[in-house]
C-alpha atoms as a PDB file:
ATOM      1  CA  MET A   1     214.948 -40.497  10.471  1.00  0.00           C
ATOM      2  CA  THR A   2     211.298 -40.426  10.013  1.00  0.00           C
ATOM      3  CA  GLY A   3     209.046 -39.407  13.114  1.00  0.00           C
ATOM      4  CA  LYS A   4     205.779 -41.055  14.024  1.00  0.00           C
ATOM      5  CA  GLY A   5     203.632 -38.401  12.047  1.00  0.00           C
ATOM      6  CA  GLY A   6     205.670 -39.057   8.788  1.00  0.00           C
ATOM      7  CA  TYR A   7     207.677 -35.885   9.171  1.00  0.00           C
ATOM      8  CA  PHE A   8     211.495 -35.955   8.644  1.00  0.00           C
ATOM      9  CA  LEU A   9     213.601 -35.665  11.890  1.00  0.00           C
ATOM     10  CA  VAL A  10     217.099 -34.422  12.128  1.00  0.00           C
ATOM     11  CA  GLN A  11     219.426 -35.398  15.110  1.00  0.00           C
ATOM     12  CA  GLU A  12     222.070 -33.169  16.286  1.00  0.00           C
ATOM     13  CA  ILE A  13     224.481 -33.390  19.328  1.00  0.00           C
ATOM     14  CA  ILE A  14     225.349 -30.025  20.830  1.00  0.00           C
ATOM     15  CA  ARG A  15     228.224 -29.478  23.387  1.00  0.00           C
ATOM     16  CA  ILE A  16     227.163 -26.988  26.027  1.00  0.00           C
ATOM     17  CA  GLU A  17     229.514 -24.985  28.079  1.00  0.00           C
ATOM     18  CA  GLY A  18     228.381 -24.265  31.656  1.00  0.00           C
ATOM     19  CA  LEU A  19     226.533 -27.438  32.556  1.00  0.00           C
ATOM     20  CA  GLU A  20     227.614 -27.979  36.195  1.00  0.00           C
ATOM     21  CA  CYS A  21     224.933 -29.725  37.948  1.00  0.00           C
ATOM     22  CA  ASN A  22     221.410 -31.344  37.532  1.00  0.00           C
ATOM     23  CA  HIS A  23     219.513 -28.183  37.760  1.00  0.00           C
ATOM     24  CA  CYS A  24     221.646 -27.008  34.729  1.00  0.00           C
ATOM     25  CA  VAL A  25     220.436 -30.206  32.964  1.00  0.00           C
ATOM     26  CA  VAL A  26     216.844 -29.546  33.720  1.00  0.00           C
ATOM     27  CA  ARG A  27     217.097 -25.778  32.594  1.00  0.00           C
ATOM     28  CA  VAL A  28     218.877 -26.539  29.486  1.00  0.00           C
ATOM     29  CA  GLY A  29     216.396 -29.356  28.689  1.00  0.00           C
ATOM     30  CA  ARG A  30     213.379 -27.163  29.166  1.00  0.00           C
ATOM     31  CA  ALA A  31     214.880 -24.415  27.236  1.00  0.00           C
ATOM     32  CA  ILE A  32     215.604 -26.761  24.116  1.00  0.00           C
ATOM     33  CA  ALA A  33     212.296 -28.426  24.385  1.00  0.00           C
ATOM     34  CA  SER A  34     210.318 -25.168  24.393  1.00  0.00           C
ATOM     35  CA  VAL A  35     211.452 -24.595  20.782  1.00  0.00           C
ATOM     36  CA  GLN A  36     208.533 -25.410  18.360  1.00  0.00           C
ATOM     37  CA  GLY A  37     209.551 -28.376  16.331  1.00  0.00           C
ATOM     38  CA  VAL A  38     211.826 -30.079  18.912  1.00  0.00           C
ATOM     39  CA  MET A  39     210.501 -33.642  19.364  1.00  0.00           C
ATOM     40  CA  GLU A  40     212.907 -34.913  21.907  1.00  0.00           C
ATOM     41  CA  VAL A  41     215.984 -33.858  23.912  1.00  0.00           C
ATOM     42  CA  ASP A  42     218.363 -35.573  26.225  1.00  0.00           C
ATOM     43  CA  VAL A  43     220.826 -33.432  28.255  1.00  0.00           C
ATOM     44  CA  ASN A  44     223.878 -35.485  29.604  1.00  0.00           C
ATOM     45  CA  LEU A  45     225.599 -33.767  32.375  1.00  0.00           C
ATOM     46  CA  GLU A  46     228.772 -35.908  32.328  1.00  0.00           C
ATOM     47  CA  LYS A  47     229.329 -35.541  28.493  1.00  0.00           C
ATOM     48  CA  ARG A  48     228.166 -31.902  28.765  1.00  0.00           C
ATOM     49  CA  GLU A  49     226.046 -32.194  25.616  1.00  0.00           C
ATOM     50  CA  ALA A  50     222.482 -32.583  24.397  1.00  0.00           C
ATOM     51  CA  VAL A  51     221.008 -34.729  21.659  1.00  0.00           C
ATOM     52  CA  VAL A  52     218.114 -33.177  20.069  1.00  0.00           C
ATOM     53  CA  ASN A  53     215.676 -34.585  17.559  1.00  0.00           C
ATOM     54  CA  PHE A  54     213.631 -31.973  15.584  1.00  0.00           C
ATOM     55  CA  GLU A  55     211.562 -31.451  12.640  1.00  0.00           C
ATOM     56  CA  GLU A  56     213.886 -29.562  10.066  1.00  0.00           C
ATOM     57  CA  THR A  57     210.696 -28.096   8.458  1.00  0.00           C
ATOM     58  CA  ARG A  58     209.743 -26.357  11.753  1.00  0.00           C
ATOM     59  CA  THR A  59     212.924 -25.206  13.287  1.00  0.00           C
ATOM     60  CA  ASN A  60     216.623 -25.109  12.831  1.00  0.00           C
ATOM     61  CA  MET A  61     219.932 -25.227  14.826  1.00  0.00           C
ATOM     62  CA  GLY A  62     219.891 -21.422  15.118  1.00  0.00           C
ATOM     63  CA  LYS A  63     216.873 -21.314  16.995  1.00  0.00           C
ATOM     64  CA  ILE A  64     217.861 -24.192  19.399  1.00  0.00           C
ATOM     65  CA  ARG A  65     221.319 -22.564  20.108  1.00  0.00           C
ATOM     66  CA  THR A  66     219.509 -19.191  20.874  1.00  0.00           C
ATOM     67  CA  ALA A  67     217.236 -20.973  23.442  1.00  0.00           C
ATOM     68  CA  ILE A  68     220.313 -22.541  25.023  1.00  0.00           C
ATOM     69  CA  ARG A  69     221.906 -19.057  25.157  1.00  0.00           C
ATOM     70  CA  GLU A  70     218.756 -17.434  26.619  1.00  0.00           C
ATOM     71  CA  ALA A  71     218.772 -20.069  29.296  1.00  0.00           C
ATOM     72  CA  GLY A  72     222.419 -18.973  30.276  1.00  0.00           C
ATOM     73  CA  TYR A  73     224.457 -21.495  28.640  1.00  0.00           C
ATOM     74  CA  GLU A  74     226.732 -21.477  25.669  1.00  0.00           C
ATOM     75  CA  PRO A  75     226.377 -23.902  22.671  1.00  0.00           C
ATOM     76  CA  LEU A  76     229.719 -24.949  21.438  1.00  0.00           C
END
């Protein structure tokens, strides 16, 4: 997928353990969005997952997973 600026976007779906309420959704969403290179994130409480679009030249799944862990949740 190509973003508006011509960069290549990767989309990943990450299952997340510990999502129990809307506060959790906001916290995880902010943590993921704070990673440089993340362009869009959608955290779904019912599915207990996050859909993340990011520039693969600026970040990677390791950094995104670390941000989730630092927020107090476990990416599966």
